[in-house]
Amino acid sequence: MKLLVICPLLVFLFMCSAEASEKGNKPQHWSTYSNDSYGVSFDYPETLVVTTRSVDFFHIEGIVLCIELVDKKNPEIIVLRLLISEPSNNPLATKEDFDYLRKACKKYKELTIGNRRAVNCVTCGSAACSWKIVFPGKRQLETFTMLTDEIEQIEPKDRTYPIKTIINSLKFTNAN
């Protein structure tokens, strides 16, 4: 009998949390990361920690900021990586505009997150395919997961970690 009462209650709470995040309301027990210098913010659960990595680590032209969400209990688990680049001022940097992405992505799907157009881009290598969300512009943002069980999905999902909800909470404070 208790199980019959608890199950509908859990479903209701999950739906309320998902609805709140779709409407832009931050779920309970979540924090907000905000970087005014680059005009980006997002919400994330208290089970994760925001870290930054030196852009020199990547050896990729144009990257100005790397933000990583890592598991609080196991910081070696990188749940989500956000790379911000400014390719306009760097002739060696790759500019991922919509035309380029239409050609480069095996699967291409446009969407709007925050106040910006983005692309869910699936690319394939020799071993597997993976998704990334790209926000083209003068200041580009690219986000993807480092989780092996999530990489091969065709789009971000809320499974072990609320990756899709985090991405959907992205906001941009200046026109890019």
N, C-alpha and C. Protein backbone atom coordinates (compact mmCIF):
# COMPACT_ATOMS: atom_id res chain seq x y z
N MET A 1 0.82 -1.20 0.00
CA MET A 1 0.00 0.00 0.00
C MET A 1 0.86 1.26 0.00
N LYS A 2 1.93 1.26 0.83
CA LYS A 2 2.81 2.43 0.89
C LYS A 2 3.47 2.68 -0.46
N LEU A 3 3.84 1.60 -1.16
CA LEU A 3 4.47 1.73 -2.46
C LEU A 3 3.53 2.40 -3.46
N LEU A 4 2.25 2.07 -3.40
CA LEU A 4 1.27 2.68 -4.30
C LEU A 4 1.15 4.18 -4.06
N VAL A 5 1.37 4.64 -2.86
CA VAL A 5 1.29 6.06 -2.55
C VAL A 5 2.60 6.76 -2.90
N ILE A 6 3.72 6.11 -2.64
CA ILE A 6 5.03 6.73 -2.87
C ILE A 6 5.33 6.89 -4.35
N CYS A 7 5.04 5.89 -5.17
CA CYS A 7 5.35 5.96 -6.60
C CYS A 7 4.69 7.15 -7.29
N PRO A 8 3.38 7.37 -7.14
CA PRO A 8 2.79 8.55 -7.78
C PRO A 8 3.38 9.86 -7.24
N LEU A 9 3.72 9.88 -5.96
CA LEU A 9 4.32 11.08 -5.38
C LEU A 9 5.68 11.35 -6.01
N LEU A 10 6.49 10.34 -6.20
CA LEU A 10 7.80 10.52 -6.82
C LEU A 10 7.66 10.98 -8.27
N VAL A 11 6.73 10.40 -9.00
CA VAL A 11 6.48 10.82 -10.38
C VAL A 11 6.06 12.29 -10.41
N PHE A 12 5.17 12.69 -9.51
CA PHE A 12 4.72 14.07 -9.45
C PHE A 12 5.88 15.02 -9.16
N LEU A 13 6.73 14.67 -8.20
CA LEU A 13 7.87 15.53 -7.85
C LEU A 13 8.86 15.65 -9.00
N PHE A 14 9.12 14.53 -9.70
CA PHE A 14 10.01 14.57 -10.85
C PHE A 14 9.44 15.46 -11.95
N MET A 15 8.14 15.33 -12.22
CA MET A 15 7.50 16.15 -13.26
C MET A 15 7.53 17.62 -12.88
N CYS A 16 7.32 17.95 -11.63
CA CYS A 16 7.38 19.34 -11.18
C CYS A 16 8.78 19.91 -11.36
N SER A 17 9.79 19.11 -11.03
CA SER A 17 11.17 19.54 -11.18
C SER A 17 11.51 19.76 -12.65
N ALA A 18 11.10 18.83 -13.52
CA ALA A 18 11.35 18.97 -14.96
C ALA A 18 10.62 20.17 -15.52
N GLU A 19 9.36 20.38 -15.09
CA GLU A 19 8.58 21.53 -15.55
C GLU A 19 9.21 22.83 -15.10
N ALA A 20 9.70 22.89 -13.88
CA ALA A 20 10.35 24.10 -13.37
C ALA A 20 11.59 24.41 -14.18
N SER A 21 12.38 23.39 -14.52
CA SER A 21 13.60 23.66 -15.27
C SER A 21 13.27 24.08 -16.70
N GLU A 22 12.21 23.55 -17.31
CA GLU A 22 11.81 23.96 -18.65
C GLU A 22 11.34 25.40 -18.66
N LYS A 23 10.72 25.86 -17.58
CA LYS A 23 10.24 27.23 -17.50
C LYS A 23 11.34 28.20 -17.08
N GLY A 24 12.56 27.68 -16.85
CA GLY A 24 13.65 28.55 -16.48
C GLY A 24 13.80 28.74 -14.98
N ASN A 25 12.98 28.08 -14.18
CA ASN A 25 13.12 28.16 -12.73
C ASN A 25 14.18 27.15 -12.30
N LYS A 26 15.02 27.58 -11.38
CA LYS A 26 16.07 26.70 -10.90
C LYS A 26 15.48 25.64 -9.97
N PRO A 27 15.80 24.36 -10.21
CA PRO A 27 15.34 23.31 -9.30
C PRO A 27 15.92 23.52 -7.90
N GLN A 28 15.26 22.96 -6.89
CA GLN A 28 15.76 23.05 -5.53
C GLN A 28 17.13 22.40 -5.44
N HIS A 29 17.95 22.91 -4.54
CA HIS A 29 19.28 22.36 -4.27
C HIS A 29 20.21 22.49 -5.48
N TRP A 30 19.97 23.50 -6.28
CA TRP A 30 20.85 23.79 -7.40
C TRP A 30 21.49 25.15 -7.17
N SER A 31 22.67 25.34 -7.73
CA SER A 31 23.37 26.62 -7.67
C SER A 31 23.44 27.20 -9.08
N THR A 32 23.85 28.45 -9.16
CA THR A 32 24.02 29.11 -10.45
C THR A 32 25.46 29.52 -10.63
N TYR A 33 26.04 29.15 -11.76
CA TYR A 33 27.36 29.63 -12.15
C TYR A 33 27.13 30.82 -13.06
N SER A 34 27.87 31.88 -12.85
CA SER A 34 27.73 33.07 -13.69
C SER A 34 29.11 33.65 -13.97
N ASN A 35 29.37 33.98 -15.21
CA ASN A 35 30.62 34.61 -15.60
C ASN A 35 30.27 35.86 -16.39
N ASP A 36 30.34 37.01 -15.73
CA ASP A 36 29.98 38.27 -16.37
C ASP A 36 30.94 38.65 -17.49
N SER A 37 32.21 38.28 -17.36
CA SER A 37 33.20 38.62 -18.40
C SER A 37 32.85 38.01 -19.75
N TYR A 38 32.31 36.79 -19.73
CA TYR A 38 31.96 36.12 -20.97
C TYR A 38 30.46 36.02 -21.20
N GLY A 39 29.67 36.59 -20.29
CA GLY A 39 28.23 36.69 -20.48
C GLY A 39 27.49 35.38 -20.51
N VAL A 40 27.86 34.46 -19.64
CA VAL A 40 27.20 33.15 -19.63
C VAL A 40 26.88 32.75 -18.19
N SER A 41 25.75 32.07 -18.03
CA SER A 41 25.39 31.50 -16.73
C SER A 41 24.59 30.23 -16.97
N PHE A 42 24.58 29.36 -15.95
CA PHE A 42 23.80 28.13 -16.01
C PHE A 42 23.60 27.63 -14.59
N ASP A 43 22.60 26.77 -14.44
CA ASP A 43 22.29 26.15 -13.14
C ASP A 43 22.84 24.73 -13.12
N TYR A 44 23.18 24.27 -11.92
CA TYR A 44 23.71 22.92 -11.79
C TYR A 44 23.39 22.38 -10.39
N PRO A 45 23.27 21.06 -10.25
CA PRO A 45 22.92 20.47 -8.95
C PRO A 45 24.09 20.52 -7.98
N GLU A 46 23.77 20.43 -6.69
CA GLU A 46 24.79 20.50 -5.65
C GLU A 46 25.71 19.28 -5.64
N THR A 47 25.38 18.26 -6.39
CA THR A 47 26.24 17.08 -6.48
C THR A 47 27.43 17.31 -7.42
N LEU A 48 27.41 18.44 -8.13
CA LEU A 48 28.49 18.77 -9.05
C LEU A 48 29.23 20.02 -8.58
N VAL A 49 30.43 20.19 -9.08
CA VAL A 49 31.27 21.34 -8.76
C VAL A 49 31.76 21.95 -10.07
N VAL A 50 31.78 23.27 -10.13
CA VAL A 50 32.31 23.97 -11.30
C VAL A 50 33.81 24.17 -11.13
N THR A 51 34.57 23.78 -12.15
CA THR A 51 36.00 24.03 -12.16
C THR A 51 36.37 24.66 -13.50
N THR A 52 37.53 25.25 -13.54
CA THR A 52 38.03 25.76 -14.82
C THR A 52 39.34 25.05 -15.13
N ARG A 53 39.62 24.94 -16.39
CA ARG A 53 40.86 24.30 -16.84
C ARG A 53 41.59 25.32 -17.71
N SER A 54 42.89 25.31 -17.64
CA SER A 54 43.69 26.21 -18.47
C SER A 54 43.40 25.94 -19.94
N VAL A 55 43.20 26.99 -20.70
CA VAL A 55 42.93 26.81 -22.13
C VAL A 55 44.16 26.29 -22.87
N ASP A 56 45.33 26.47 -22.29
CA ASP A 56 46.56 25.94 -22.90
C ASP A 56 46.53 24.41 -22.98
N PHE A 57 45.77 23.78 -22.11
CA PHE A 57 45.64 22.32 -22.09
C PHE A 57 45.17 21.78 -23.44
N PHE A 58 44.36 22.54 -24.16
CA PHE A 58 43.71 22.04 -25.37
C PHE A 58 44.52 22.24 -26.64
N HIS A 59 45.41 23.21 -26.67
CA HIS A 59 46.19 23.52 -27.88
C HIS A 59 45.27 23.76 -29.08
N ILE A 60 44.18 24.49 -28.83
CA ILE A 60 43.21 24.81 -29.88
C ILE A 60 43.11 26.33 -29.96
N GLU A 61 43.32 26.86 -31.14
CA GLU A 61 43.27 28.31 -31.33
C GLU A 61 41.88 28.87 -31.04
N GLY A 62 41.83 30.00 -30.37
CA GLY A 62 40.58 30.73 -30.17
C GLY A 62 39.88 30.47 -28.85
N ILE A 63 40.21 29.39 -28.15
CA ILE A 63 39.54 29.09 -26.88
C ILE A 63 40.00 30.10 -25.82
N VAL A 64 39.01 30.71 -25.14
CA VAL A 64 39.32 31.71 -24.11
C VAL A 64 38.92 31.25 -22.72
N LEU A 65 38.04 30.25 -22.62
CA LEU A 65 37.60 29.78 -21.31
C LEU A 65 37.13 28.33 -21.41
N CYS A 66 37.52 27.52 -20.43
CA CYS A 66 37.03 26.15 -20.32
C CYS A 66 36.43 25.99 -18.93
N ILE A 67 35.16 25.63 -18.89
CA ILE A 67 34.43 25.39 -17.65
C ILE A 67 34.06 23.92 -17.63
N GLU A 68 34.30 23.27 -16.50
CA GLU A 68 33.93 21.86 -16.38
C GLU A 68 33.05 21.66 -15.16
N LEU A 69 32.04 20.85 -15.32
CA LEU A 69 31.22 20.40 -14.20
C LEU A 69 31.68 18.99 -13.86
N VAL A 70 32.17 18.83 -12.63
CA VAL A 70 32.68 17.53 -12.20
C VAL A 70 31.88 17.02 -11.02
N ASP A 71 31.90 15.72 -10.86
CA ASP A 71 31.21 15.08 -9.74
C ASP A 71 31.91 15.48 -8.44
N LYS A 72 31.13 15.95 -7.48
CA LYS A 72 31.69 16.42 -6.21
C LYS A 72 32.42 15.29 -5.46
N LYS A 73 31.88 14.07 -5.52
CA LYS A 73 32.49 12.95 -4.81
C LYS A 73 33.68 12.36 -5.55
N ASN A 74 33.69 12.50 -6.86
CA ASN A 74 34.78 11.97 -7.67
C ASN A 74 35.14 12.99 -8.75
N PRO A 75 36.01 13.95 -8.42
CA PRO A 75 36.34 15.05 -9.34
C PRO A 75 36.99 14.62 -10.66
N GLU A 76 37.36 13.36 -10.78
CA GLU A 76 37.90 12.90 -12.06
C GLU A 76 36.80 12.65 -13.08
N ILE A 77 35.55 12.63 -12.63
CA ILE A 77 34.41 12.43 -13.54
C ILE A 77 33.97 13.80 -14.06
N ILE A 78 34.27 14.05 -15.32
CA ILE A 78 33.86 15.30 -15.97
C ILE A 78 32.50 15.05 -16.61
N VAL A 79 31.47 15.65 -16.02
CA VAL A 79 30.10 15.45 -16.48
C VAL A 79 29.82 16.28 -17.72
N LEU A 80 30.27 17.52 -17.72
CA LEU A 80 29.98 18.44 -18.82
C LEU A 80 31.14 19.40 -18.97
N ARG A 81 31.53 19.66 -20.20
CA ARG A 81 32.60 20.63 -20.49
C ARG A 81 32.01 21.71 -21.39
N LEU A 82 32.29 22.96 -21.05
CA LEU A 82 31.87 24.09 -21.86
C LEU A 82 33.13 24.82 -22.32
N LEU A 83 33.27 24.97 -23.62
CA LEU A 83 34.39 25.70 -24.19
C LEU A 83 33.87 26.98 -24.82
N ILE A 84 34.44 28.10 -24.42
CA ILE A 84 34.08 29.38 -25.02
C ILE A 84 35.25 29.81 -25.88
N SER A 85 34.96 30.18 -27.11
CA SER A 85 36.01 30.63 -28.02
C SER A 85 35.58 31.91 -28.70
N GLU A 86 36.58 32.64 -29.17
CA GLU A 86 36.37 33.88 -29.91
C GLU A 86 37.13 33.77 -31.23
N PRO A 87 36.53 33.08 -32.21
CA PRO A 87 37.23 32.83 -33.46
C PRO A 87 37.33 34.04 -34.39
N SER A 88 36.48 35.04 -34.19
CA SER A 88 36.45 36.18 -35.10
C SER A 88 37.78 36.91 -35.16
N ASN A 89 38.46 37.00 -34.04
CA ASN A 89 39.71 37.76 -33.98
C ASN A 89 40.94 36.88 -34.21
N ASN A 90 40.74 35.63 -34.56
CA ASN A 90 41.86 34.71 -34.71
C ASN A 90 41.71 33.94 -36.02
N PRO A 91 42.54 34.25 -37.02
CA PRO A 91 42.41 33.57 -38.31
C PRO A 91 42.72 32.07 -38.25
N LEU A 92 43.39 31.61 -37.20
CA LEU A 92 43.72 30.19 -37.07
C LEU A 92 42.61 29.39 -36.38
N ALA A 93 41.63 30.09 -35.79
CA ALA A 93 40.56 29.42 -35.05
C ALA A 93 39.47 28.93 -36.00
N THR A 94 38.86 27.82 -35.64
CA THR A 94 37.75 27.27 -36.41
C THR A 94 36.47 28.02 -36.05
N LYS A 95 35.83 28.58 -37.07
CA LYS A 95 34.56 29.27 -36.85
C LYS A 95 33.45 28.29 -37.20
N GLU A 96 32.71 27.88 -36.17
CA GLU A 96 31.63 26.92 -36.38
C GLU A 96 30.31 27.66 -36.55
N ASP A 97 30.09 28.20 -37.75
CA ASP A 97 28.83 28.87 -38.01
C ASP A 97 27.81 27.83 -38.49
N PHE A 98 26.58 28.27 -38.73
CA PHE A 98 25.52 27.33 -39.08
C PHE A 98 25.81 26.59 -40.39
N ASP A 99 26.36 27.29 -41.39
CA ASP A 99 26.68 26.63 -42.66
C ASP A 99 27.74 25.54 -42.47
N TYR A 100 28.78 25.87 -41.72
CA TYR A 100 29.83 24.89 -41.44
C TYR A 100 29.26 23.66 -40.73
N LEU A 101 28.43 23.90 -39.71
CA LEU A 101 27.86 22.79 -38.92
C LEU A 101 26.92 21.92 -39.75
N ARG A 102 26.14 22.54 -40.68
CA ARG A 102 25.26 21.75 -41.54
C ARG A 102 26.06 20.72 -42.34
N LYS A 103 27.25 21.12 -42.76
CA LYS A 103 28.11 20.23 -43.55
C LYS A 103 28.87 19.24 -42.67
N ALA A 104 29.32 19.69 -41.50
CA ALA A 104 30.20 18.88 -40.65
C ALA A 104 29.46 17.85 -39.79
N CYS A 105 28.21 18.12 -39.47
CA CYS A 105 27.47 17.24 -38.56
C CYS A 105 26.81 16.10 -39.32
N LYS A 106 26.95 14.89 -38.80
CA LYS A 106 26.23 13.76 -39.39
C LYS A 106 24.74 13.93 -39.16
N LYS A 107 24.37 14.39 -37.95
CA LYS A 107 22.99 14.76 -37.63
C LYS A 107 23.03 16.19 -37.15
N TYR A 108 22.13 17.00 -37.66
CA TYR A 108 22.10 18.44 -37.40
C TYR A 108 20.69 18.81 -36.98
N LYS A 109 20.57 19.46 -35.82
CA LYS A 109 19.24 19.89 -35.36
C LYS A 109 19.39 21.26 -34.70
N GLU A 110 18.68 22.24 -35.24
CA GLU A 110 18.71 23.58 -34.64
C GLU A 110 17.74 23.66 -33.47
N LEU A 111 18.11 24.42 -32.45
CA LEU A 111 17.27 24.64 -31.30
C LEU A 111 17.61 26.01 -30.70
N THR A 112 16.77 26.47 -29.80
CA THR A 112 17.02 27.71 -29.09
C THR A 112 17.14 27.40 -27.62
N ILE A 113 18.23 27.88 -27.02
CA ILE A 113 18.46 27.70 -25.60
C ILE A 113 18.82 29.07 -25.04
N GLY A 114 18.17 29.43 -23.94
CA GLY A 114 18.36 30.80 -23.45
C GLY A 114 17.82 31.73 -24.52
N ASN A 115 18.61 32.67 -24.91
CA ASN A 115 18.18 33.60 -25.96
C ASN A 115 19.02 33.43 -27.23
N ARG A 116 19.61 32.23 -27.41
CA ARG A 116 20.48 32.02 -28.57
C ARG A 116 20.11 30.77 -29.35
N ARG A 117 20.32 30.85 -30.66
CA ARG A 117 20.18 29.68 -31.52
C ARG A 117 21.38 28.78 -31.31
N ALA A 118 21.13 27.50 -31.33
CA ALA A 118 22.19 26.52 -31.14
C ALA A 118 21.97 25.36 -32.09
N VAL A 119 22.95 24.48 -32.14
CA VAL A 119 22.87 23.28 -32.97
C VAL A 119 23.24 22.08 -32.13
N ASN A 120 22.39 21.06 -32.17
CA ASN A 120 22.76 19.75 -31.64
C ASN A 120 23.44 19.05 -32.80
N CYS A 121 24.75 18.85 -32.69
CA CYS A 121 25.56 18.31 -33.77
C CYS A 121 26.09 16.94 -33.36
N VAL A 122 25.82 15.95 -34.19
CA VAL A 122 26.36 14.61 -33.96
C VAL A 122 27.45 14.39 -35.00
N THR A 123 28.65 14.09 -34.52
CA THR A 123 29.76 13.78 -35.41
C THR A 123 30.23 12.35 -35.11
N CYS A 124 30.85 11.75 -36.12
CA CYS A 124 31.30 10.37 -35.96
C CYS A 124 32.77 10.25 -36.30
N GLY A 125 33.46 9.50 -35.47
CA GLY A 125 34.86 9.17 -35.71
C GLY A 125 34.96 7.72 -36.11
N SER A 126 36.16 7.17 -36.00
CA SER A 126 36.36 5.78 -36.42
C SER A 126 35.69 4.78 -35.47
N ALA A 127 35.56 5.16 -34.19
CA ALA A 127 35.01 4.21 -33.22
C ALA A 127 33.54 4.44 -32.89
N ALA A 128 33.11 5.69 -32.85
CA ALA A 128 31.74 5.97 -32.41
C ALA A 128 31.32 7.38 -32.81
N CYS A 129 30.05 7.66 -32.58
CA CYS A 129 29.50 9.00 -32.81
C CYS A 129 29.30 9.67 -31.46
N SER A 130 29.27 11.00 -31.46
CA SER A 130 29.03 11.74 -30.22
C SER A 130 28.31 13.04 -30.53
N TRP A 131 27.60 13.58 -29.52
CA TRP A 131 26.88 14.83 -29.68
C TRP A 131 27.67 15.97 -29.05
N LYS A 132 27.36 17.17 -29.52
CA LYS A 132 27.79 18.40 -28.87
C LYS A 132 26.75 19.45 -29.20
N ILE A 133 26.61 20.41 -28.30
CA ILE A 133 25.72 21.54 -28.56
C ILE A 133 26.62 22.73 -28.84
N VAL A 134 26.41 23.37 -29.98
CA VAL A 134 27.24 24.50 -30.40
C VAL A 134 26.36 25.74 -30.52
N PHE A 135 26.85 26.83 -29.94
CA PHE A 135 26.22 28.14 -30.04
C PHE A 135 27.13 29.00 -30.91
N PRO A 136 26.88 29.06 -32.23
CA PRO A 136 27.74 29.85 -33.10
C PRO A 136 27.59 31.35 -32.83
N GLY A 137 28.62 32.10 -33.19
CA GLY A 137 28.58 33.55 -33.05
C GLY A 137 29.98 34.11 -32.90
N LYS A 138 30.06 35.42 -32.67
CA LYS A 138 31.37 36.04 -32.44
C LYS A 138 32.04 35.40 -31.23
N ARG A 139 31.23 35.10 -30.23
CA ARG A 139 31.70 34.34 -29.07
C ARG A 139 30.95 33.01 -29.10
N GLN A 140 31.65 31.95 -29.45
CA GLN A 140 31.04 30.63 -29.57
C GLN A 140 31.08 29.91 -28.23
N LEU A 141 30.09 29.09 -28.01
CA LEU A 141 30.11 28.18 -26.87
C LEU A 141 29.82 26.80 -27.40
N GLU A 142 30.64 25.85 -26.98
CA GLU A 142 30.45 24.45 -27.35
C GLU A 142 30.41 23.65 -26.06
N THR A 143 29.42 22.80 -25.91
CA THR A 143 29.32 21.98 -24.71
C THR A 143 29.10 20.53 -25.08
N PHE A 144 29.74 19.66 -24.32
CA PHE A 144 29.64 18.22 -24.55
C PHE A 144 29.98 17.50 -23.26
N THR A 145 29.67 16.22 -23.23
CA THR A 145 29.94 15.41 -22.04
C THR A 145 31.22 14.61 -22.24
N MET A 146 31.81 14.22 -21.13
CA MET A 146 32.98 13.35 -21.16
C MET A 146 32.63 11.96 -20.62
N LEU A 147 31.35 11.72 -20.35
CA LEU A 147 30.90 10.44 -19.80
C LEU A 147 30.75 9.42 -20.92
N THR A 148 31.41 8.30 -20.79
CA THR A 148 31.39 7.32 -21.88
C THR A 148 30.00 6.79 -22.18
N ASP A 149 29.14 6.63 -21.17
CA ASP A 149 27.80 6.11 -21.44
C ASP A 149 26.86 7.19 -22.00
N GLU A 150 27.27 8.45 -21.95
CA GLU A 150 26.44 9.54 -22.48
C GLU A 150 26.92 10.05 -23.83
N ILE A 151 28.21 9.92 -24.10
CA ILE A 151 28.80 10.46 -25.33
C ILE A 151 28.08 9.94 -26.56
N GLU A 152 27.76 8.67 -26.58
CA GLU A 152 27.23 8.05 -27.78
C GLU A 152 25.72 8.23 -27.96
N GLN A 153 25.08 9.02 -27.11
CA GLN A 153 23.67 9.37 -27.32
C GLN A 153 23.59 10.32 -28.52
N ILE A 154 22.43 10.48 -29.10
CA ILE A 154 22.31 11.42 -30.23
C ILE A 154 22.00 12.84 -29.77
N GLU A 155 21.73 13.00 -28.48
CA GLU A 155 21.49 14.32 -27.91
C GLU A 155 21.66 14.22 -26.40
N PRO A 156 21.82 15.36 -25.74
CA PRO A 156 21.96 15.30 -24.28
C PRO A 156 20.68 14.79 -23.63
N LYS A 157 20.85 14.02 -22.57
CA LYS A 157 19.71 13.46 -21.83
C LYS A 157 19.94 13.62 -20.34
N ASP A 158 18.87 13.56 -19.58
CA ASP A 158 18.95 13.52 -18.13
C ASP A 158 18.90 12.05 -17.73
N ARG A 159 20.04 11.53 -17.35
CA ARG A 159 20.10 10.14 -16.91
C ARG A 159 20.82 10.13 -15.56
N THR A 160 22.00 9.58 -15.49
CA THR A 160 22.74 9.57 -14.22
C THR A 160 22.94 11.00 -13.71
N TYR A 161 23.22 11.91 -14.62
CA TYR A 161 23.37 13.34 -14.31
C TYR A 161 22.36 14.12 -15.16
N PRO A 162 21.89 15.26 -14.67
CA PRO A 162 20.88 16.04 -15.42
C PRO A 162 21.51 16.92 -16.51
N ILE A 163 22.18 16.30 -17.46
CA ILE A 163 22.93 17.02 -18.48
C ILE A 163 22.02 17.92 -19.32
N LYS A 164 20.91 17.38 -19.78
CA LYS A 164 20.00 18.17 -20.62
C LYS A 164 19.44 19.37 -19.85
N THR A 165 19.07 19.17 -18.60
CA THR A 165 18.52 20.27 -17.79
C THR A 165 19.57 21.36 -17.58
N ILE A 166 20.81 20.96 -17.34
CA ILE A 166 21.88 21.95 -17.18
C ILE A 166 22.05 22.76 -18.46
N ILE A 167 22.13 22.07 -19.59
CA ILE A 167 22.29 22.78 -20.87
C ILE A 167 21.10 23.70 -21.14
N ASN A 168 19.89 23.22 -20.85
CA ASN A 168 18.70 24.06 -21.08
C ASN A 168 18.65 25.27 -20.16
N SER A 169 19.43 25.27 -19.08
CA SER A 169 19.44 26.42 -18.18
C SER A 169 20.43 27.51 -18.62
N LEU A 170 21.20 27.25 -19.68
CA LEU A 170 22.17 28.24 -20.14
C LEU A 170 21.49 29.55 -20.50
N LYS A 171 22.12 30.63 -20.07
CA LYS A 171 21.63 31.99 -20.40
C LYS A 171 22.83 32.82 -20.82
N PHE A 172 22.56 33.74 -21.71
CA PHE A 172 23.61 34.61 -22.23
C PHE A 172 23.21 36.05 -21.97
N THR A 173 24.11 36.81 -21.37
CA THR A 173 23.75 38.18 -20.97
C THR A 173 24.14 39.24 -21.99
N ASN A 174 24.87 38.85 -23.01
CA ASN A 174 25.17 39.85 -24.04
C ASN A 174 25.03 39.21 -25.41
N ALA A 175 24.78 40.05 -26.40
CA ALA A 175 24.57 39.54 -27.75
C ALA A 175 25.88 38.97 -28.27
N ASN A 176 25.83 37.75 -28.76
CA ASN A 176 27.04 37.10 -29.27
C ASN A 176 26.85 36.72 -30.71
